Amino acid sequence: MSIVIEDYPYLDVDHPGGSNFMWFMSAADSQVLAAEFGMSHPPALGRILLDNAMVLSQNAGWEGRIGLHAAPAGGDGLLVMYGRCGLTRLPASAALPSGIRRRNDGRFFYVDERAAETLAAALDASR
């Protein structure tokens, strides 16, 4: 499941514009999928949910730009997962757009236009 906010300030302040922001992203518990639905190898859906956000951003005219904040409860594993999915981590020292009230704790990620094009193209055959 995911919740995407449209027309959110793009996190890279050096390139202002709109983007989609992944407000919430969660996969089903693998134990539930195994016990209730007999799935021996539940799929990893994080990359698919990110792809959905990028395609929605492309369709909205934001060229695939997305951003998200990795929940601290996800620990370092969540940071690693977003990096493996091709997202760029915004340094904790980087300024955030003026519309964002939260401080930058170093857990923000984004995808620029070039990365979005590459990442989306990689899943074109599955779409």
Protein backbone atom coordinates (compact mmCIF):
# COMPACT_ATOMS: atom_id res chain seq x y z
CA MET A 1 0.00 0.00 0.00
CA SER A 2 1.19 3.53 -0.63
CA ILE A 3 -0.01 7.09 -0.22
CA VAL A 4 1.39 9.62 -2.68
CA ILE A 5 1.06 13.38 -2.30
CA GLU A 6 0.98 15.20 -5.62
CA ASP A 7 2.45 18.64 -6.29
CA TYR A 8 4.91 18.51 -3.39
CA PRO A 9 8.05 20.68 -3.33
CA TYR A 10 10.96 18.88 -4.98
CA LEU A 11 13.60 18.10 -2.34
CA ASP A 12 16.61 19.22 -4.39
CA VAL A 13 16.43 22.99 -3.73
CA ASP A 14 19.02 23.64 -6.46
CA HIS A 15 16.40 22.51 -8.98
CA PRO A 16 13.06 23.88 -7.73
CA GLY A 17 9.83 22.45 -9.03
CA GLY A 18 7.04 20.05 -8.25
CA SER A 19 7.23 16.36 -7.50
CA ASN A 20 5.31 13.51 -5.97
CA PHE A 21 6.08 12.63 -2.37
CA MET A 22 5.72 9.12 -0.96
CA TRP A 23 3.97 9.85 2.32
CA PHE A 24 3.50 6.23 3.29
CA MET A 25 4.67 2.94 1.87
CA SER A 26 4.11 -0.50 3.35
CA ALA A 27 4.20 -4.08 2.15
CA ALA A 28 2.12 -6.90 3.53
CA ASP A 29 3.71 -8.95 6.29
CA SER A 30 5.47 -11.93 4.68
CA GLN A 31 4.33 -14.27 7.47
CA VAL A 32 0.70 -13.33 6.84
CA LEU A 33 1.13 -13.85 3.10
CA ALA A 34 2.65 -17.27 3.74
CA ALA A 35 0.12 -18.40 6.36
CA GLU A 36 -3.06 -16.93 4.87
CA PHE A 37 -2.33 -17.11 1.15
CA GLY A 38 0.20 -19.94 0.85
CA MET A 39 2.89 -17.74 -0.69
CA SER A 40 6.25 -19.37 -0.21
CA HIS A 41 8.16 -16.45 -1.79
CA PRO A 42 6.26 -13.19 -1.20
CA PRO A 43 7.30 -10.53 -3.70
CA ALA A 44 9.32 -7.49 -2.68
CA LEU A 45 7.06 -4.60 -3.61
CA GLY A 46 9.10 -1.57 -2.53
CA ARG A 47 10.58 -1.02 -5.98
CA ILE A 48 7.13 -1.42 -7.59
CA LEU A 49 5.55 1.16 -5.26
CA LEU A 50 8.36 3.60 -6.04
CA ASP A 51 7.84 2.96 -9.75
CA ASN A 52 4.15 3.81 -9.34
CA ALA A 53 5.07 7.16 -7.78
CA MET A 54 7.55 7.93 -10.58
CA VAL A 55 5.05 7.08 -13.32
CA LEU A 56 2.38 9.19 -11.61
CA SER A 57 4.92 12.03 -11.45
CA GLN A 58 5.72 11.63 -15.15
CA ASN A 59 2.01 11.71 -15.99
CA ALA A 60 1.53 14.85 -13.86
CA GLY A 61 4.27 16.68 -15.78
CA TRP A 62 6.97 16.50 -13.07
CA GLU A 63 9.27 14.29 -15.17
CA GLY A 64 9.28 11.45 -12.65
CA ARG A 65 10.62 13.50 -9.73
CA ILE A 66 9.70 11.99 -6.36
CA GLY A 67 10.80 12.37 -2.77
CA LEU A 68 10.28 10.53 0.47
CA HIS A 69 11.37 10.39 4.07
CA ALA A 70 12.57 7.05 5.44
CA ALA A 71 10.81 6.45 8.74
CA PRO A 72 13.28 6.15 11.63
CA ALA A 73 11.43 2.99 12.74
CA GLY A 74 12.71 1.35 9.53
CA GLY A 75 16.28 1.64 10.82
CA ASP A 76 19.32 1.38 8.61
CA GLY A 77 17.73 -1.44 6.61
CA LEU A 78 15.19 0.96 5.13
CA LEU A 79 17.97 3.38 4.14
CA VAL A 80 19.82 0.55 2.41
CA MET A 81 16.66 -0.59 0.61
CA TYR A 82 15.96 2.88 -0.80
CA GLY A 83 19.55 3.16 -1.97
CA ARG A 84 19.32 -0.23 -3.70
CA CYS A 85 16.13 0.94 -5.41
CA GLY A 86 18.11 3.76 -7.04
CA LEU A 87 17.05 6.72 -4.90
CA THR A 88 19.51 9.49 -4.01
CA ARG A 89 19.92 10.29 -0.33
CA LEU A 90 19.73 13.98 0.50
CA PRO A 91 22.62 14.87 2.84
CA ALA A 92 21.58 15.94 6.34
CA SER A 93 23.41 19.23 5.72
CA ALA A 94 21.24 20.04 2.68
CA ALA A 95 18.53 22.67 2.95
CA LEU A 96 14.93 21.61 2.43
CA PRO A 97 12.41 23.59 0.36
CA SER A 98 10.73 26.35 2.35
CA GLY A 99 7.36 24.54 2.26
CA ILE A 100 8.70 21.63 4.32
CA ARG A 101 8.55 22.25 8.06
CA ARG A 102 10.33 19.10 9.22
CA ARG A 103 14.07 19.39 9.80
CA ASN A 104 16.42 17.42 7.60
CA ASP A 105 17.55 14.43 9.65
CA GLY A 106 19.42 12.82 6.76
CA ARG A 107 16.63 10.34 5.99
CA PHE A 108 15.20 12.12 2.92
CA PHE A 109 15.57 10.55 -0.52
CA TYR A 110 14.67 11.77 -3.99
CA VAL A 111 14.72 10.77 -7.64
CA ASP A 112 15.63 13.30 -10.31
CA GLU A 113 14.42 13.31 -13.92
CA ARG A 114 17.32 11.31 -15.32
CA ALA A 115 17.14 8.59 -12.65
CA ALA A 116 13.35 8.41 -12.97
CA GLU A 117 13.62 7.81 -16.71
CA THR A 118 16.18 5.03 -16.19
CA LEU A 119 14.31 3.40 -13.30
CA ALA A 120 10.93 3.57 -15.03
CA ALA A 121 12.36 2.16 -18.27
CA ALA A 122 13.76 -0.83 -16.37
CA LEU A 123 10.22 -1.89 -15.49
CA ASP A 124 8.51 -0.97 -18.77
CA ALA A 125 8.17 -4.62 -19.80
CA SER A 126 6.34 -5.43 -16.56
CA ARG A 127 3.94 -2.52 -16.74
